[in-house]
Protein backbone atom coordinates (compact mmCIF):
# COMPACT_ATOMS: atom_id res chain seq x y z
CA UNK A 1 15.03 -4.71 16.57
CA UNK A 2 13.30 -7.05 14.10
CA UNK A 3 10.03 -8.66 15.25
CA UNK A 4 8.53 -11.76 13.62
CA UNK A 5 4.75 -12.15 13.23
CA UNK A 6 3.73 -15.78 12.66
CA UNK A 7 1.30 -16.57 9.87
CA UNK A 8 -1.73 -17.91 11.71
CA UNK A 9 -5.42 -17.22 12.14
CA UNK A 10 -4.85 -15.02 15.20
CA UNK A 11 -2.61 -12.59 13.27
CA UNK A 12 -4.90 -12.21 10.25
CA UNK A 13 -7.97 -10.08 9.66
CA UNK A 14 -10.09 -8.95 6.73
CA UNK A 15 -11.36 -5.54 7.82
CA UNK A 16 -10.18 -2.30 9.43
CA UNK A 17 -11.33 -1.26 12.92
CA UNK A 18 -9.81 1.01 15.53
CA UNK A 19 -10.86 -1.43 18.28
CA UNK A 20 -9.19 -4.48 16.72
CA UNK A 21 -6.49 -5.39 19.29
CA UNK A 22 -2.87 -5.30 18.08
CA UNK A 23 -1.06 -8.58 17.55
CA UNK A 24 2.28 -6.88 18.24
CA UNK A 25 3.57 -3.67 19.84
CA UNK A 26 6.86 -2.17 18.62
CA UNK A 27 8.99 0.87 19.34
CA UNK A 28 9.59 3.49 16.64
CA UNK A 29 12.53 2.37 14.53
CA UNK A 30 11.73 -1.33 14.92
CA UNK A 31 11.18 -3.64 11.95
CA UNK A 32 8.43 -6.21 11.48
CA UNK A 33 8.86 -9.36 9.37
CA UNK A 34 5.96 -11.58 8.30
CA UNK A 35 4.48 -13.84 5.65
CA UNK A 36 1.22 -13.02 3.93
CA UNK A 37 -1.64 -14.84 2.25
CA UNK A 38 -2.84 -13.53 -1.08
CA UNK A 39 -5.98 -11.40 -1.40
CA UNK A 40 -8.12 -14.54 -1.56
CA UNK A 41 -6.67 -15.86 1.71
CA UNK A 42 -4.60 -18.53 -0.06
CA UNK A 43 -1.08 -19.77 0.65
CA UNK A 44 -1.07 -22.63 -1.85
CA UNK A 45 -3.06 -22.61 -5.10
CA UNK A 46 -5.33 -25.51 -4.22
CA UNK A 47 -6.02 -25.26 -0.50
CA UNK A 48 -7.28 -22.73 2.04
CA UNK A 49 -4.79 -21.82 4.76
CA UNK A 50 -7.27 -20.81 7.45
CA UNK A 51 -11.00 -20.99 8.02
CA UNK A 52 -12.56 -17.58 8.58
CA UNK A 53 -15.87 -15.85 9.13
CA UNK A 54 -16.29 -14.67 5.55
CA UNK A 55 -18.98 -12.18 6.51
CA UNK A 56 -16.79 -10.38 9.04
CA UNK A 57 -13.42 -11.01 7.37
CA UNK A 58 -14.68 -10.25 3.87
CA UNK A 59 -11.71 -8.22 2.68
CA UNK A 60 -8.02 -8.77 1.98
CA UNK A 61 -6.06 -11.07 4.27
CA UNK A 62 -4.07 -8.55 6.31
CA UNK A 63 -1.38 -9.12 8.93
CA UNK A 64 -1.71 -7.00 12.08
CA UNK A 65 -2.66 -4.66 13.52
CA UNK A 66 0.78 -3.52 14.66
CA UNK A 67 0.87 -0.92 17.44
CA UNK A 68 3.68 1.64 17.37
CA UNK A 69 4.33 2.75 20.94
CA UNK A 70 3.99 6.49 21.44
CA UNK A 71 2.41 7.13 18.04
CA UNK A 72 -0.42 9.66 18.25
CA UNK A 73 -3.24 10.65 15.95
CA UNK A 74 -2.14 13.60 13.84
CA UNK A 75 1.46 12.47 13.55
CA UNK A 76 2.93 10.78 10.45
CA UNK A 77 3.84 7.10 10.24
CA UNK A 78 6.94 6.47 8.15
CA UNK A 79 6.84 2.98 6.62
CA UNK A 80 10.10 1.84 5.06
CA UNK A 81 9.40 -1.10 2.77
CA UNK A 82 12.46 -3.30 3.26
CA UNK A 83 11.49 -6.53 1.52
CA UNK A 84 8.64 -8.00 -0.53
CA UNK A 85 9.35 -11.55 -1.71
CA UNK A 86 6.51 -13.48 -3.39
CA UNK A 87 5.95 -17.21 -3.37
CA UNK A 88 6.17 -19.19 -6.60
CA UNK A 89 2.64 -18.68 -7.89
CA UNK A 90 -0.04 -16.07 -8.50
CA UNK A 91 -3.38 -15.55 -10.21
CA UNK A 92 -5.11 -12.75 -12.12
CA UNK A 93 -8.87 -12.63 -12.67
CA UNK A 94 -10.56 -11.11 -15.73
CA UNK A 95 -14.38 -11.13 -15.71
CA UNK A 96 -14.30 -14.01 -13.23
CA UNK A 97 -11.86 -16.16 -15.24
CA UNK A 98 -8.53 -16.97 -13.55
CA UNK A 99 -5.18 -16.73 -15.29
CA UNK A 100 -2.50 -18.63 -13.38
CA UNK A 101 1.14 -17.54 -13.13
CA UNK A 102 4.41 -19.26 -12.22
CA UNK A 103 6.83 -16.92 -10.46
CA UNK A 104 10.54 -17.58 -10.77
CA UNK A 105 13.48 -15.24 -10.38
CA UNK A 106 12.70 -11.80 -11.78
CA UNK A 107 9.75 -12.81 -13.95
CA UNK A 108 6.31 -14.40 -13.96
CA UNK A 109 4.98 -16.62 -16.76
CA UNK A 110 1.29 -17.27 -17.30
CA UNK A 111 -0.30 -20.59 -18.22
CA UNK A 112 -0.36 -19.55 -21.90
CA UNK A 113 3.33 -18.72 -22.03
CA UNK A 114 3.30 -14.92 -21.71
CA UNK A 115 6.03 -13.50 -19.44
CA UNK A 116 6.20 -10.23 -17.51
CA UNK A 117 8.89 -8.72 -15.33
CA UNK A 118 8.41 -9.13 -11.60
CA UNK A 119 7.97 -5.98 -9.47
CA UNK A 120 6.44 -7.22 -6.18
CA UNK A 121 4.70 -4.93 -3.71
CA UNK A 122 1.96 -4.96 -1.09
CA UNK A 123 -1.35 -3.58 -2.32
CA UNK A 124 -2.54 -2.80 1.22
CA UNK A 125 -0.51 -0.85 3.78
CA UNK A 126 -2.67 1.22 6.07
CA UNK A 127 -4.41 2.07 9.32
CA UNK A 128 -8.07 2.07 10.39
CA UNK A 129 -10.31 5.13 10.04
CA UNK A 130 -10.85 6.93 13.36
CA UNK A 131 -14.62 6.48 13.14
CA UNK A 132 -16.05 3.52 15.10
CA UNK A 133 -17.23 0.38 13.39
CA UNK A 134 -16.06 -2.12 10.78
CA UNK A 135 -14.49 -0.67 7.64
CA UNK A 136 -13.84 -2.40 4.33
CA UNK A 137 -10.29 -3.08 3.18
CA UNK A 138 -11.38 -2.28 -0.39
CA UNK A 139 -10.96 1.49 -0.85
CA UNK A 140 -7.77 3.46 -0.22
CA UNK A 141 -8.08 6.27 2.31
CA UNK A 142 -6.11 9.18 3.70
CA UNK A 143 -4.57 6.74 6.19
CA UNK A 144 -3.47 4.28 3.50
CA UNK A 145 -5.09 0.92 2.89
CA UNK A 146 -5.67 -0.56 -0.55
CA UNK A 147 -3.50 1.94 -2.41
CA UNK A 148 -2.46 -0.58 -5.10
CA UNK A 149 0.43 1.51 -6.40
CA UNK A 150 3.08 -0.43 -8.29
CA UNK A 151 5.81 1.99 -7.11
CA UNK A 152 5.59 0.78 -3.49
CA UNK A 153 8.29 -1.84 -4.00
CA UNK A 154 11.14 -2.68 -1.63
CA UNK A 155 13.31 0.38 -1.14
CA UNK A 156 10.38 2.82 -1.16
CA UNK A 157 9.28 4.75 1.93
CA UNK A 158 5.58 5.49 2.45
CA UNK A 159 4.39 8.40 4.62
CA UNK A 160 0.89 8.03 6.11
CA UNK A 161 -1.15 10.38 8.33
CA UNK A 162 -1.86 8.57 11.62
CA UNK A 163 -5.61 8.43 12.38
CA UNK A 164 -5.58 6.74 15.83
CA UNK A 165 -3.23 6.52 18.79
CA UNK A 166 -0.82 3.61 18.39
CA UNK A 167 -1.16 3.74 14.58
CA UNK A 168 -2.45 0.12 14.35
CA UNK A 169 -0.88 -0.62 10.97
CA UNK A 170 -1.92 -3.63 8.89
CA UNK A 171 -0.44 -4.87 5.61
CA UNK A 172 -0.83 -7.56 2.99
CA UNK A 173 -2.28 -8.18 -0.49
CA UNK A 174 0.87 -9.30 -2.27
CA UNK A 175 1.18 -8.38 -5.95
CA UNK A 176 3.82 -9.87 -8.22
CA UNK A 177 3.29 -7.24 -10.91
CA UNK A 178 0.62 -4.71 -11.86
CA UNK A 179 -0.04 -2.08 -14.48
CA UNK A 180 -1.22 1.42 -13.59
CA UNK A 181 -5.02 1.24 -13.41
CA UNK A 182 -5.22 -2.45 -12.37
CA UNK A 183 -7.91 -2.57 -15.05
CA UNK A 184 -9.29 -6.11 -14.47
CA UNK A 185 -9.54 -5.50 -10.72
CA UNK A 186 -6.60 -7.76 -9.90
CA UNK A 187 -2.84 -7.80 -10.36
CA UNK A 188 -0.76 -10.97 -10.10
CA UNK A 189 -2.30 -11.81 -6.74
CA UNK A 190 0.29 -13.81 -4.82
CA UNK A 191 1.15 -14.81 -1.26
CA UNK A 192 4.36 -13.45 0.18
CA UNK A 193 7.15 -15.68 1.44
CA UNK A 194 8.72 -12.73 3.24
CA UNK A 195 7.84 -9.11 3.85
CA UNK A 196 9.54 -6.61 6.12
CA UNK A 197 8.58 -3.08 7.15
CA UNK A 198 10.44 -0.62 9.38
CA UNK A 199 8.19 1.81 11.27
CA UNK A 200 9.08 5.26 12.55
CA UNK A 201 7.06 8.33 13.54
CA UNK A 202 7.35 12.01 12.64
CA UNK A 203 5.53 14.89 14.29
CA UNK A 204 6.87 17.63 11.98
CA UNK A 205 5.04 16.59 8.81
CA UNK A 206 1.38 17.36 8.09
CA UNK A 207 -0.12 15.46 5.13
CA UNK A 208 -3.51 15.76 3.44
CA UNK A 209 -2.90 12.39 1.70
CA UNK A 210 -0.10 9.80 1.63
CA UNK A 211 3.18 10.53 -0.09
CA UNK A 212 6.07 8.22 -0.91
CA UNK A 213 9.76 8.46 -1.64
CA UNK A 214 11.13 5.99 -4.20
CA UNK A 215 14.78 5.53 -5.16
CA UNK A 216 14.56 8.39 -7.64
CA UNK A 217 11.31 10.31 -7.17
CA UNK A 218 8.69 11.83 -4.90
CA UNK A 219 5.17 10.44 -5.25
CA UNK A 220 1.92 12.03 -4.02
CA UNK A 221 -1.49 10.34 -3.88
CA UNK A 222 -5.12 11.34 -4.19
CA UNK A 223 -8.23 9.17 -3.71
CA UNK A 224 -11.90 9.77 -4.48
CA UNK A 225 -14.83 7.96 -6.06
CA UNK A 226 -14.66 10.62 -8.78
CA UNK A 227 -11.45 10.25 -10.79
CA UNK A 228 -11.31 13.99 -11.53
CA UNK A 229 -11.51 14.78 -7.82
CA UNK A 230 -8.85 12.15 -7.08
CA UNK A 231 -6.58 13.96 -9.53
CA UNK A 232 -7.34 17.31 -7.87
CA UNK A 233 -6.47 15.95 -4.43
CA UNK A 234 -3.35 14.26 -5.80
CA UNK A 235 -2.17 17.53 -7.35
CA UNK A 236 -2.83 19.45 -4.13
CA UNK A 237 -0.79 16.86 -2.21
CA UNK A 238 2.07 17.19 -4.69
CA UNK A 239 1.99 20.99 -4.50
CA UNK A 240 2.17 20.74 -0.69
CA UNK A 241 5.20 18.50 -1.09
CA UNK A 242 6.90 20.81 -3.60
CA UNK A 243 6.38 23.86 -1.39
CA UNK A 244 7.95 22.02 1.52
CA UNK A 245 10.81 20.23 -0.27
CA UNK A 246 11.71 22.89 -2.84
CA UNK A 247 10.94 26.02 -0.85
CA UNK A 248 8.74 27.52 -3.58
CA UNK A 249 5.41 29.32 -3.30
CA UNK A 250 2.11 27.74 -4.42
CA UNK A 251 1.84 29.41 -7.83
CA UNK A 252 5.48 28.65 -8.63
CA UNK A 253 4.91 25.02 -7.58
CA UNK A 254 1.86 24.78 -9.87
CA UNK A 255 3.81 26.14 -12.83
CA UNK A 256 6.70 23.75 -12.17
CA UNK A 257 4.31 20.81 -11.73
CA UNK A 258 2.73 21.53 -15.12
CA UNK A 259 6.18 21.17 -16.67
CA UNK A 260 7.85 18.43 -14.61
CA UNK A 261 5.24 16.33 -12.74
CA UNK A 262 3.52 13.30 -14.28
CA UNK A 263 0.05 12.16 -13.18
CA UNK A 264 -0.72 8.43 -13.31
CA UNK A 265 -3.97 6.57 -12.69
CA UNK A 266 -3.07 4.28 -9.81
CA UNK A 267 -6.21 2.15 -9.98
CA UNK A 268 -9.84 2.54 -11.10
CA UNK A 269 -11.35 -0.50 -9.36
CA UNK A 270 -11.37 0.05 -5.59
CA UNK A 271 -14.49 2.23 -5.15
CA UNK A 272 -12.26 5.20 -4.33
CA UNK A 273 -10.14 5.61 -7.44
CA UNK A 274 -6.49 6.58 -7.15
CA UNK A 275 -4.17 9.00 -8.91
CA UNK A 276 -0.51 9.45 -8.12
CA UNK A 277 1.79 12.30 -9.13
CA UNK A 278 5.48 11.64 -9.77
CA UNK A 279 8.26 14.21 -9.52
CA UNK A 280 11.49 12.60 -10.71
CA UNK A 281 14.85 13.62 -9.25
CA UNK A 282 16.61 15.98 -11.60
CA UNK A 283 13.41 16.93 -13.43
CA UNK A 284 13.84 20.51 -12.22
CA UNK A 285 17.63 20.63 -12.21
CA UNK A 286 19.11 22.66 -9.37
């Protein structure tokens, strides 16, 4: 079943909290379709879509939370990213100065005539920490959030440890394109005309950090305020994945990773920095 979430003030929030009531409850295997404001809570370039309490809702404009019936803390939420379609405009900020983009077809062109290929994704897909209180949407966490990985395009599946019963997933922060690192602090920040996620649950998969499956690779993530520690956690997550998927022991996995796995800096701007490890299909042969 496909559920529609309307774009309105009641379905939007700018923080994570385990007590924020869900705007929708779905069964595992259901899909959710929605529109999304950009990170600055804009739908059109020159007007605000909703009025909000900017002190409480100080983070990204997220749609949700979405409750998955029967999901329990400790299980894994499987998020299939079915569609991410941006609107016709976006903006990138560099030291406070905006650079405006026109989005058309498979490319985006800035106001000075430079063109980049479009690769839209949602910067934020995640669940609230289990601790009580209000939590920023800024840093990525074990349970997802502001991961800002350019590989999370339509067709990719994201696996997230579930922190609270019901999962309470939220998503948003449309990006038209982004480089690894997101070095200015922003990508092409754009609202989304359409986004669709399919949500399922697994209880046979224990994750220390999120992992993802793209069309041709496995991806493992690590987050920490220290970039070196983020890389360490990312590598440990990838070694876990290789042991499970390839049936190799830890030392063999480490040796193979040194030969066949690439580490990328996901982003360096979200308090908790991100590193992702990529193991391409065929990199290890049979």
